[in-house]
Amino acid sequence: MSPVLLFCILIGYFALLLGVAWATSRNANNDSFFIGNKSSNWMLVAFGMVGTTLSGATFISVPGAVGKDAFGYGQILIGYVFGYVAVAYILLPLYYRLKLTSIYHYLDVRLGRRAYQSGAGFFIVSRLLGSTARLYLVVNILQAIILDSLGIPFWLTTLVILAMILMYTYQGGVKTIVWTDTLQTTCMLFGLFACVWFLLGELGMSIPQSLDAMRAQGLSRIFTMDVDSPNFFWKQFVAGIFIVLTMTGMDQEMMQKTISVKTLADSQKNLLSLTLVLVVVLSAFLFLGGLLYLYAPLAGVTATGDKIFPAVVMGHLPATVQIIFLIALVSALFPSADGAITALTSTFCIDILGIKRRQDLDVAGQESLRRRVHLGFALLFLVLVLGFKAVDEPSMIGVILKLAAYTYGPLLGLFAFGMLTKRTLTDRLVPFVTVGAPVLCAILEFYQQYLLGSYRLGLELLMVNGILVFVGLFAISHKETANKLTVTA
């Protein structure tokens, strides 16, 4: 299909997003931007969060990883279910009881200002790296299938996409994103199931027949019981629980949308509904990966990993499927990037700059400051995406999960210490603990062949990091009961 036509379809899709943004951001203010005026519909939030949770990395990398790990991602998925239940019934009641706008304010109330700033700081680092890695993955594919042939450089593509995101989030923030994410999730899921349906037709197989073929080629294996393997079931299962606890329950972007729902009960419905949909959708992505690896040899496609999905669709499927794939891919891109920039802006303004505490700023001044921060994070996204382009890692899902292990571990340790103990911290020493733990993890991972023998660290590095932070915080704490908030998990 003509790259020019595909480019025009992309512009038309963005125009639709702008229309939604215009309709939803009228009369928006800072409360609209930060928490959607606390009036978001829980069903819309739940559905839209599917797109935010999955992102372009899931859309491309999970099917691509089937060639290497078969359906092993299903082990993590089982853990996800338990993690979402824990977030719904342990963390959400806490956030609603404290009436939080930023979830990291809990750390200030319970542990002190340095813990608060450390938590917010690690979220900023986590989201910057994770979201730009996801954005790079999708932009790189758009570049390869459309924009290289038009002579448009990668840096300009990234700049234009970030400008698009700024245009429809600049005013409305969360209030707008709740609606745009719903539209984009719909397009992404339609693309997923349409590609599955077309591939089944191309293979001339029913679902049971395709599963039998995958089983025969070793593509449908879920469980790994080798304790030394990074993919050992119990490692992946427990890691799945803690990935959700940290990357959803302790993540301002995900919780910003969740706590924009008016009541706790509706917010819990939101998360539990999200869990059910994610199980179905992620299972479909794994199934799609199996179909791609069944079809690729028949079509002479040699690509693997992140490249197999676009190679099969753009090189061998009909023009209609190519259009559906393009729209679904872009729909997977925007929810991850727009929500991240909005959440990072919120966290930096509220937690680092203390915008709500500033007596020198009136309402107009606060909104002006928020817009400047919003623009600044968009520029940071540009720089980091170009950095990932220079690295050019072939499978970004592994990179994203590894980054999460290092940057969300301190958040896990901070929240766990606050909720599971009644001890008081020596505030000034907290940053040394939260930075020192990831450094120790890096040393442990680098020298693991000498320190751990045949055992290889996998996603459990996130838990190790959190435990090190917890132990470090315990070491710099004392028994005196704080006069601040004490929370029992």
Protein backbone atom coordinates (compact mmCIF):
# COMPACT_ATOMS: atom_id res chain seq x y z
CA MET A 1 0.00 0.00 0.00
CA SER A 2 1.16 3.54 -0.76
CA PRO A 3 3.04 5.17 2.14
CA VAL A 4 1.36 8.47 1.23
CA LEU A 5 -2.10 6.92 1.72
CA LEU A 6 -1.04 5.40 5.04
CA PHE A 7 0.31 8.78 6.11
CA CYS A 8 -3.00 10.46 5.24
CA ILE A 9 -4.87 7.85 7.32
CA LEU A 10 -2.57 8.62 10.23
CA ILE A 11 -3.31 12.37 9.95
CA GLY A 12 -7.05 11.67 9.77
CA TYR A 13 -6.90 9.57 12.93
CA PHE A 14 -5.08 12.34 14.76
CA ALA A 15 -7.72 14.86 13.62
CA LEU A 16 -10.33 12.63 15.27
CA LEU A 17 -8.34 12.70 18.52
CA LEU A 18 -8.19 16.49 18.37
CA GLY A 19 -11.94 16.62 17.96
CA VAL A 20 -12.43 14.49 21.08
CA ALA A 21 -9.93 16.64 22.97
CA TRP A 22 -11.72 19.86 21.98
CA ALA A 23 -15.08 18.49 23.08
CA THR A 24 -13.80 17.28 26.48
CA SER A 25 -11.38 20.05 27.50
CA ARG A 26 -13.69 23.06 27.37
CA ASN A 27 -13.66 24.95 30.70
CA ALA A 28 -10.87 22.67 31.98
CA ASN A 29 -8.70 23.80 34.88
CA ASN A 30 -5.90 22.32 37.01
CA ASP A 31 -8.32 19.95 38.78
CA SER A 32 -9.49 18.72 35.37
CA PHE A 33 -5.87 18.18 34.31
CA PHE A 34 -4.73 16.41 37.48
CA ILE A 35 -7.75 14.28 38.53
CA GLY A 36 -10.52 14.89 35.97
CA ASN A 37 -12.54 16.91 38.52
CA LYS A 38 -13.04 13.61 40.39
CA SER A 39 -15.97 12.79 38.11
CA SER A 40 -14.69 10.19 35.62
CA ASN A 41 -16.99 7.30 34.71
CA TRP A 42 -15.49 4.07 36.09
CA MET A 43 -16.44 2.03 33.03
CA LEU A 44 -14.69 4.46 30.68
CA VAL A 45 -11.62 4.56 32.92
CA ALA A 46 -11.45 0.75 33.10
CA PHE A 47 -11.74 0.32 29.35
CA GLY A 48 -9.31 3.15 28.56
CA MET A 49 -6.76 1.79 31.03
CA VAL A 50 -6.52 -1.38 28.96
CA GLY A 51 -4.78 0.66 26.28
CA THR A 52 -2.52 2.39 28.79
CA THR A 53 -1.57 -0.91 30.44
CA LEU A 54 -0.82 -2.71 27.20
CA SER A 55 0.91 0.00 25.12
CA GLY A 56 2.79 -0.42 21.86
CA ALA A 57 5.34 -2.66 23.55
CA THR A 58 2.66 -5.25 24.29
CA PHE A 59 1.15 -4.89 20.83
CA ILE A 60 4.46 -5.65 19.12
CA SER A 61 6.73 -7.39 21.64
CA VAL A 62 4.40 -9.92 23.32
CA PRO A 63 3.49 -11.64 20.02
CA GLY A 64 7.10 -11.36 18.90
CA ALA A 65 8.43 -13.01 22.07
CA VAL A 66 6.40 -16.20 21.43
CA GLY A 67 9.12 -17.44 19.09
CA LYS A 68 11.61 -17.45 21.98
CA ASP A 69 9.52 -18.00 25.11
CA ALA A 70 6.36 -19.65 23.67
CA PHE A 71 3.37 -18.75 25.87
CA GLY A 72 5.63 -18.24 28.89
CA TYR A 73 4.28 -14.72 29.38
CA GLY A 74 1.15 -16.46 30.67
CA GLN A 75 3.03 -17.21 33.91
CA ILE A 76 3.36 -13.47 34.52
CA LEU A 77 -0.28 -12.97 33.54
CA ILE A 78 -1.44 -15.34 36.30
CA GLY A 79 0.48 -13.19 38.77
CA TYR A 80 -1.12 -10.06 37.35
CA VAL A 81 -4.56 -11.24 38.47
CA PHE A 82 -3.48 -11.54 42.10
CA GLY A 83 -1.66 -8.21 41.87
CA TYR A 84 -4.72 -6.32 40.68
CA VAL A 85 -6.84 -7.76 43.49
CA ALA A 86 -4.20 -6.59 45.99
CA VAL A 87 -4.18 -3.07 44.51
CA ALA A 88 -8.00 -2.90 44.60
CA TYR A 89 -8.38 -3.96 48.23
CA ILE A 90 -5.15 -2.77 49.88
CA LEU A 91 -3.91 0.36 48.13
CA LEU A 92 -7.08 1.96 46.75
CA PRO A 93 -8.83 2.20 50.17
CA LEU A 94 -5.75 3.99 51.47
CA TYR A 95 -5.66 6.49 48.60
CA TYR A 96 -9.36 7.29 48.89
CA ARG A 97 -9.26 7.63 52.66
CA LEU A 98 -6.49 10.23 52.36
CA LYS A 99 -8.23 11.97 49.39
CA LEU A 100 -4.98 12.03 47.44
CA THR A 101 -4.28 13.83 44.18
CA SER A 102 -0.73 12.49 44.08
CA ILE A 103 -0.37 9.04 45.61
CA TYR A 104 3.14 9.91 46.78
CA HIS A 105 1.69 12.36 49.28
CA TYR A 106 1.05 9.23 51.38
CA LEU A 107 4.82 8.88 51.79
CA ASP A 108 5.03 12.46 53.06
CA VAL A 109 2.24 11.89 55.59
CA ARG A 110 3.59 8.58 56.82
CA LEU A 111 7.39 8.67 56.36
CA GLY A 112 8.49 12.26 55.83
CA ARG A 113 9.44 14.74 53.16
CA ARG A 114 12.58 12.95 51.86
CA ALA A 115 10.68 9.68 51.44
CA TYR A 116 7.96 11.62 49.61
CA GLN A 117 10.45 13.29 47.27
CA SER A 118 12.34 10.02 46.73
CA GLY A 119 9.15 8.20 45.77
CA ALA A 120 8.07 10.94 43.37
CA GLY A 121 11.58 11.12 41.94
CA PHE A 122 11.76 7.41 41.22
CA PHE A 123 8.34 7.53 39.58
CA ILE A 124 9.55 10.33 37.30
CA VAL A 125 12.65 8.32 36.34
CA SER A 126 10.59 5.13 35.89
CA ARG A 127 7.94 6.69 33.69
CA LEU A 128 10.42 8.71 31.66
CA LEU A 129 12.48 5.64 30.78
CA GLY A 130 9.64 3.13 30.45
CA SER A 131 7.32 5.34 28.42
CA THR A 132 10.01 6.61 26.09
CA ALA A 133 11.11 3.01 25.46
CA ARG A 134 7.53 2.15 24.50
CA LEU A 135 7.23 5.27 22.36
CA TYR A 136 10.51 4.51 20.58
CA LEU A 137 9.32 1.01 19.68
CA VAL A 138 6.18 2.21 17.89
CA VAL A 139 7.78 5.27 16.27
CA ASN A 140 10.54 3.04 14.92
CA ILE A 141 7.98 0.77 13.27
CA LEU A 142 6.03 3.70 11.81
CA GLN A 143 9.31 5.03 10.49
CA ALA A 144 10.14 1.73 8.79
CA ILE A 145 6.73 1.10 7.19
CA ILE A 146 5.79 4.66 6.14
CA LEU A 147 8.11 7.54 6.81
CA ASP A 148 11.53 6.31 5.62
CA SER A 149 10.09 5.97 2.11
CA LEU A 150 8.85 9.58 2.31
CA GLY A 151 12.32 10.83 3.30
CA ILE A 152 11.20 11.98 6.76
CA PRO A 153 13.95 11.53 9.40
CA PHE A 154 13.34 9.67 12.67
CA TRP A 155 13.89 12.74 14.86
CA LEU A 156 11.27 14.72 12.95
CA THR A 157 8.74 11.87 13.21
CA THR A 158 9.22 11.75 16.98
CA LEU A 159 8.97 15.53 17.30
CA VAL A 160 5.71 15.66 15.32
CA ILE A 161 4.13 12.81 17.29
CA LEU A 162 5.01 14.47 20.59
CA ALA A 163 3.60 17.75 19.29
CA MET A 164 0.37 15.90 18.44
CA ILE A 165 0.18 14.49 21.96
CA LEU A 166 0.75 17.95 23.45
CA MET A 167 -2.02 19.41 21.32
CA TYR A 168 -4.72 17.15 22.72
CA THR A 169 -3.51 16.87 26.34
CA TYR A 170 -2.26 20.42 26.91
CA GLN A 171 -5.50 21.77 28.34
CA GLY A 172 -7.69 18.88 29.50
CA GLY A 173 -5.16 16.41 30.94
CA VAL A 174 -6.89 13.47 32.65
CA LYS A 175 -10.34 14.79 31.77
CA THR A 176 -9.47 14.46 28.06
CA ILE A 177 -7.35 11.30 28.32
CA VAL A 178 -10.20 9.27 29.85
CA TRP A 179 -12.10 9.76 26.58
CA THR A 180 -9.22 9.57 24.08
CA ASP A 181 -7.93 6.38 25.74
CA THR A 182 -11.38 4.82 25.33
CA LEU A 183 -11.32 5.56 21.59
CA GLN A 184 -7.76 4.32 21.20
CA THR A 185 -8.32 1.14 23.19
CA THR A 186 -11.30 0.33 20.95
CA CYS A 187 -9.17 0.76 17.83
CA MET A 188 -6.30 -1.29 19.26
CA LEU A 189 -8.47 -4.23 20.30
CA PHE A 190 -10.30 -4.20 16.96
CA GLY A 191 -6.90 -4.39 15.26
CA LEU A 192 -5.79 -7.28 17.46
CA PHE A 193 -8.83 -9.46 16.83
CA ALA A 194 -9.00 -8.52 13.13
CA CYS A 195 -5.38 -9.66 12.64
CA VAL A 196 -6.12 -12.94 14.46
CA TRP A 197 -9.16 -13.54 12.25
CA PHE A 198 -7.26 -12.79 9.01
CA LEU A 199 -4.30 -15.01 9.95
CA LEU A 200 -6.59 -17.91 10.81
CA GLY A 201 -8.14 -17.48 7.37
CA GLU A 202 -4.74 -17.34 5.65
CA LEU A 203 -3.67 -20.51 7.45
CA GLY A 204 -7.01 -22.21 6.74
CA MET A 205 -7.28 -23.30 10.36
CA SER A 206 -9.82 -23.14 13.15
CA ILE A 207 -8.75 -22.04 16.63
CA PRO A 208 -8.40 -25.66 17.92
CA GLN A 209 -6.44 -26.66 14.81
CA SER A 210 -4.07 -23.72 15.18
CA LEU A 211 -3.49 -24.54 18.85
CA ASP A 212 -2.64 -28.13 17.87
CA ALA A 213 -0.16 -26.82 15.30
CA MET A 214 1.40 -24.48 17.88
CA ARG A 215 1.66 -27.34 20.35
CA ALA A 216 3.43 -29.49 17.76
CA GLN A 217 6.03 -26.74 17.20
CA GLY A 218 6.50 -26.01 20.92
CA LEU A 219 4.94 -22.55 20.65
CA SER A 220 2.14 -23.05 23.19
CA ARG A 221 4.24 -24.06 26.21
CA ILE A 222 3.34 -21.96 29.25
CA PHE A 223 5.13 -23.34 32.28
CA THR A 224 8.90 -23.54 32.91
CA MET A 225 9.80 -25.60 35.95
CA ASP A 226 13.63 -25.31 35.79
CA VAL A 227 14.45 -23.46 39.02
CA ASP A 228 17.68 -22.03 37.57
CA SER A 229 15.93 -20.50 34.57
CA PRO A 230 14.96 -16.80 34.56
CA ASN A 231 11.56 -18.04 33.31
CA PHE A 232 10.93 -20.43 36.23
CA PHE A 233 7.19 -20.43 36.99
CA TRP A 234 7.33 -19.23 40.59
CA LYS A 235 9.72 -16.43 39.66
CA GLN A 236 7.41 -15.24 36.90
CA PHE A 237 4.23 -15.67 38.95
CA VAL A 238 5.47 -13.73 41.98
CA ALA A 239 7.09 -11.15 39.70
CA GLY A 240 3.73 -10.65 37.97
CA ILE A 241 2.11 -9.83 41.33
CA PHE A 242 4.76 -7.28 42.20
CA ILE A 243 4.86 -5.77 38.71
CA VAL A 244 1.18 -4.88 39.09
CA LEU A 245 1.61 -3.68 42.69
CA THR A 246 4.36 -1.29 41.60
CA MET A 247 3.66 -0.43 37.94
CA THR A 248 -0.07 0.03 38.62
CA GLY A 249 -0.71 0.47 42.35
CA MET A 250 2.33 2.65 43.05
CA ASP A 251 2.35 4.42 39.70
CA GLN A 252 0.91 7.92 39.53
CA GLU A 253 -0.11 7.58 35.87
CA MET A 254 -2.27 4.51 36.47
CA MET A 255 -3.63 5.66 39.81
CA GLN A 256 -4.26 9.21 38.58
CA LYS A 257 -6.98 7.85 36.30
CA THR A 258 -8.27 5.34 38.85
CA ILE A 259 -8.71 7.86 41.67
CA SER A 260 -10.41 10.27 39.27
CA VAL A 261 -13.46 8.02 39.75
CA LYS A 262 -15.82 9.49 42.37
CA THR A 263 -16.19 6.57 44.82
CA LEU A 264 -13.93 3.80 46.11
CA ALA A 265 -16.44 1.09 45.19
CA ASP A 266 -16.58 2.24 41.56
CA SER A 267 -12.80 2.54 41.45
CA GLN A 268 -12.49 -1.07 42.62
CA LYS A 269 -14.97 -2.14 39.95
CA ASN A 270 -12.74 -0.33 37.48
CA LEU A 271 -9.65 -2.34 38.45
CA LEU A 272 -11.39 -5.71 38.64
CA SER A 273 -13.01 -5.13 35.24
CA LEU A 274 -9.61 -4.14 33.86
CA THR A 275 -8.16 -7.39 35.20
CA LEU A 276 -10.75 -9.53 33.45
CA VAL A 277 -10.30 -7.73 30.13
CA LEU A 278 -6.50 -7.91 30.37
CA VAL A 279 -6.56 -11.68 30.85
CA VAL A 280 -8.59 -12.08 27.67
CA VAL A 281 -6.60 -9.54 25.66
CA LEU A 282 -3.12 -10.71 26.69
CA SER A 283 -4.13 -14.31 25.97
CA ALA A 284 -5.22 -13.13 22.52
CA PHE A 285 -1.84 -11.44 21.98
CA LEU A 286 -0.05 -14.70 22.81
CA PHE A 287 -2.34 -16.58 20.44
CA LEU A 288 -1.61 -13.98 17.75
CA GLY A 289 2.12 -14.54 18.30
CA GLY A 290 1.66 -18.26 17.75
CA LEU A 291 -0.23 -17.57 14.49
CA LEU A 292 2.53 -15.25 13.29
CA TYR A 293 5.18 -17.92 13.82
CA LEU A 294 3.02 -20.51 12.06
CA TYR A 295 2.46 -18.21 9.10
CA ALA A 296 5.95 -16.71 8.76
CA PRO A 297 7.72 -19.81 7.32
CA LEU A 298 4.92 -20.32 4.79
CA ALA A 299 5.29 -16.72 3.57
CA GLY A 300 9.10 -16.77 3.60
CA VAL A 301 9.29 -14.25 6.45
CA THR A 302 12.53 -14.59 8.41
CA ALA A 303 11.95 -11.72 10.87
CA THR A 304 11.62 -12.55 14.56
CA GLY A 305 10.99 -10.68 17.81
CA ASP A 306 9.59 -7.17 17.52
CA LYS A 307 9.90 -7.21 13.71
CA ILE A 308 7.76 -10.24 12.86
CA PHE A 309 4.30 -8.68 13.32
CA PRO A 310 4.86 -5.66 11.04
CA ALA A 311 6.81 -7.82 8.56
CA VAL A 312 3.93 -10.27 8.15
CA VAL A 313 1.16 -7.67 8.00
CA MET A 314 2.80 -5.05 5.81
CA GLY A 315 4.46 -7.55 3.49
CA HIS A 316 1.88 -10.30 3.04
CA LEU A 317 -1.64 -9.37 4.19
CA PRO A 318 -4.28 -7.37 2.27
CA ALA A 319 -4.41 -3.57 2.22
CA THR A 320 -7.44 -3.55 4.53
CA VAL A 321 -5.48 -5.41 7.20
CA GLN A 322 -2.54 -3.03 6.77
CA ILE A 323 -4.80 -0.05 7.47
CA ILE A 324 -6.31 -1.77 10.50
CA PHE A 325 -2.80 -2.64 11.75
CA LEU A 326 -1.58 0.95 11.33
CA ILE A 327 -4.52 2.45 13.23
CA ALA A 328 -4.20 -0.19 15.98
CA LEU A 329 -0.47 0.44 16.26
CA VAL A 330 -0.94 4.20 16.60
CA SER A 331 -3.77 3.56 19.07
CA ALA A 332 -1.33 1.50 21.14
CA LEU A 333 1.23 4.31 20.98
CA PHE A 334 -0.79 7.31 22.16
CA PRO A 335 -2.34 6.01 25.45
CA SER A 336 1.07 5.13 26.84
CA ALA A 337 2.72 8.43 25.90
CA ASP A 338 -0.13 10.87 26.58
CA GLY A 339 -0.90 9.44 30.02
CA ALA A 340 2.77 9.35 30.94
CA ILE A 341 3.43 12.99 30.03
CA THR A 342 0.30 14.05 31.91
CA ALA A 343 1.16 12.01 35.01
CA LEU A 344 4.77 13.19 35.01
CA THR A 345 3.57 16.78 34.77
CA SER A 346 1.20 16.20 37.70
CA THR A 347 3.84 14.56 39.88
CA PHE A 348 6.49 17.17 39.18
CA CYS A 349 4.08 20.07 39.77
CA ILE A 350 2.46 18.68 42.91
CA ASP A 351 5.24 16.65 44.55
CA ILE A 352 8.45 18.39 43.49
CA LEU A 353 7.38 22.01 42.90
CA GLY A 354 4.59 21.96 45.50
CA ILE A 355 2.26 23.89 43.20
CA LYS A 356 -0.71 23.56 45.59
CA ARG A 357 1.34 24.93 48.48
CA ARG A 358 2.77 27.91 46.59
CA GLN A 359 1.39 31.13 48.08
CA ASP A 360 3.11 33.24 45.42
CA LEU A 361 1.02 31.79 42.58
CA ASP A 362 -2.59 32.57 41.80
CA VAL A 363 -4.74 30.20 39.72
CA ALA A 364 -3.48 31.63 36.42
CA GLY A 365 0.11 31.35 37.61
CA GLN A 366 -0.36 27.72 38.61
CA GLU A 367 -1.83 26.87 35.22
CA SER A 368 1.02 28.68 33.43
CA LEU A 369 3.62 26.76 35.46
CA ARG A 370 1.85 23.46 34.76
CA ARG A 371 1.88 24.13 31.00
CA ARG A 372 5.61 24.92 31.03
CA VAL A 373 6.36 21.69 32.90
CA HIS A 374 4.15 19.78 30.44
CA LEU A 375 6.17 21.15 27.53
CA GLY A 376 9.44 20.38 29.31
CA PHE A 377 8.56 16.71 29.72
CA ALA A 378 7.63 16.47 26.04
CA LEU A 379 11.13 17.73 25.17
CA LEU A 380 12.66 15.19 27.57
CA PHE A 381 10.68 12.47 25.80
CA LEU A 382 12.19 13.57 22.50
CA VAL A 383 15.75 13.35 23.85
CA LEU A 384 15.24 9.91 25.42
CA VAL A 385 13.50 8.40 22.38
CA LEU A 386 16.47 9.48 20.27
CA GLY A 387 18.70 7.82 22.87
CA PHE A 388 16.83 4.51 22.55
CA LYS A 389 17.16 4.82 18.78
CA ALA A 390 20.93 4.96 19.20
CA VAL A 391 20.88 1.80 21.37
CA ASP A 392 18.42 -0.02 19.02
CA GLU A 393 17.58 -3.00 21.26
CA PRO A 394 15.80 -5.76 19.22
CA SER A 395 13.21 -6.68 21.90
CA MET A 396 11.95 -3.75 23.96
CA ILE A 397 9.61 -5.68 26.29
CA GLY A 398 12.63 -7.13 28.10
CA VAL A 399 14.25 -3.70 28.38
CA ILE A 400 11.06 -2.19 29.81
CA LEU A 401 10.66 -4.88 32.46
CA LYS A 402 14.35 -4.62 33.40
CA LEU A 403 14.06 -0.85 33.81
CA ALA A 404 11.00 -1.41 35.99
CA ALA A 405 12.95 -3.74 38.28
CA TYR A 406 15.51 -1.03 39.00
CA THR A 407 13.24 2.00 39.23
CA TYR A 408 10.07 0.63 40.83
CA GLY A 409 11.95 -1.39 43.47
CA PRO A 410 12.51 1.67 45.69
CA LEU A 411 8.79 2.54 45.46
CA LEU A 412 7.93 -0.99 46.54
CA GLY A 413 10.25 -0.73 49.53
CA LEU A 414 8.97 2.70 50.58
CA PHE A 415 5.28 1.81 50.42
CA ALA A 416 5.83 -1.59 52.09
CA PHE A 417 7.76 0.00 54.96
CA GLY A 418 5.09 2.62 55.50
CA MET A 419 2.24 0.12 55.49
CA LEU A 420 3.83 -2.81 57.33
CA THR A 421 5.66 -1.04 60.14
CA LYS A 422 5.03 1.72 62.68
CA ARG A 423 8.64 2.85 62.82
CA THR A 424 9.92 6.39 62.27
CA LEU A 425 12.65 7.15 59.73
CA THR A 426 15.72 9.31 59.97
CA ASP A 427 14.53 11.49 57.13
CA ARG A 428 17.84 12.79 55.78
CA LEU A 429 19.19 9.25 55.16
CA VAL A 430 16.28 8.02 53.03
CA PRO A 431 17.76 9.09 49.63
CA PHE A 432 20.95 7.13 50.36
CA VAL A 433 18.91 3.96 50.90
CA THR A 434 16.66 4.39 47.88
CA VAL A 435 19.60 5.07 45.55
CA GLY A 436 21.93 2.53 47.14
CA ALA A 437 19.59 -0.44 46.72
CA PRO A 438 19.41 -0.27 42.88
CA VAL A 439 23.20 0.13 42.79
CA LEU A 440 23.59 -3.06 44.86
CA CYS A 441 21.15 -4.82 42.52
CA ALA A 442 23.22 -3.78 39.51
CA ILE A 443 26.36 -5.19 41.16
CA LEU A 444 24.54 -8.42 42.04
CA GLU A 445 23.25 -8.83 38.50
CA PHE A 446 26.62 -8.09 36.90
CA TYR A 447 28.47 -10.60 39.09
CA GLN A 448 25.66 -13.16 39.42
CA GLN A 449 27.66 -15.94 37.75
CA TYR A 450 30.23 -15.68 40.55
CA LEU A 451 27.82 -14.98 43.42
CA LEU A 452 24.87 -17.22 42.48
CA GLY A 453 26.43 -20.08 40.52
CA SER A 454 24.07 -21.49 37.90
CA TYR A 455 21.09 -19.48 39.20
CA ARG A 456 20.09 -16.58 36.94
CA LEU A 457 18.17 -13.54 38.08
CA GLY A 458 14.98 -12.70 36.20
CA LEU A 459 12.09 -10.44 37.08
CA GLU A 460 12.56 -11.22 40.76
CA LEU A 461 15.17 -8.46 40.70
CA LEU A 462 12.26 -6.06 41.37
CA MET A 463 11.51 -7.85 44.65
CA VAL A 464 15.18 -8.04 45.63
CA ASN A 465 15.43 -4.30 45.08
CA GLY A 466 12.33 -3.66 47.19
CA ILE A 467 13.60 -5.91 50.00
CA LEU A 468 16.96 -4.10 50.06
CA VAL A 469 15.16 -0.76 50.38
CA PHE A 470 12.91 -2.12 53.13
CA VAL A 471 15.91 -3.47 55.09
CA GLY A 472 17.80 -0.22 54.59
CA LEU A 473 14.86 1.84 55.83
CA PHE A 474 14.51 -0.44 58.84
CA ALA A 475 18.18 0.15 59.63
CA ILE A 476 17.73 3.95 59.65
CA SER A 477 14.48 3.89 61.65
CA HIS A 478 13.61 3.73 65.33
CA LYS A 479 10.72 2.40 67.39
CA GLU A 480 9.20 5.71 68.36
CA THR A 481 5.66 5.80 66.95
CA ALA A 482 5.21 8.65 64.51
CA ASN A 483 2.59 11.27 65.19
CA LYS A 484 1.81 11.02 61.54
CA LEU A 485 -0.45 8.57 59.80
CA THR A 486 -0.12 4.92 60.67
CA VAL A 487 -1.63 2.56 58.14
CA THR A 488 -2.31 -1.10 58.63
CA ALA A 489 -2.27 -3.09 55.42
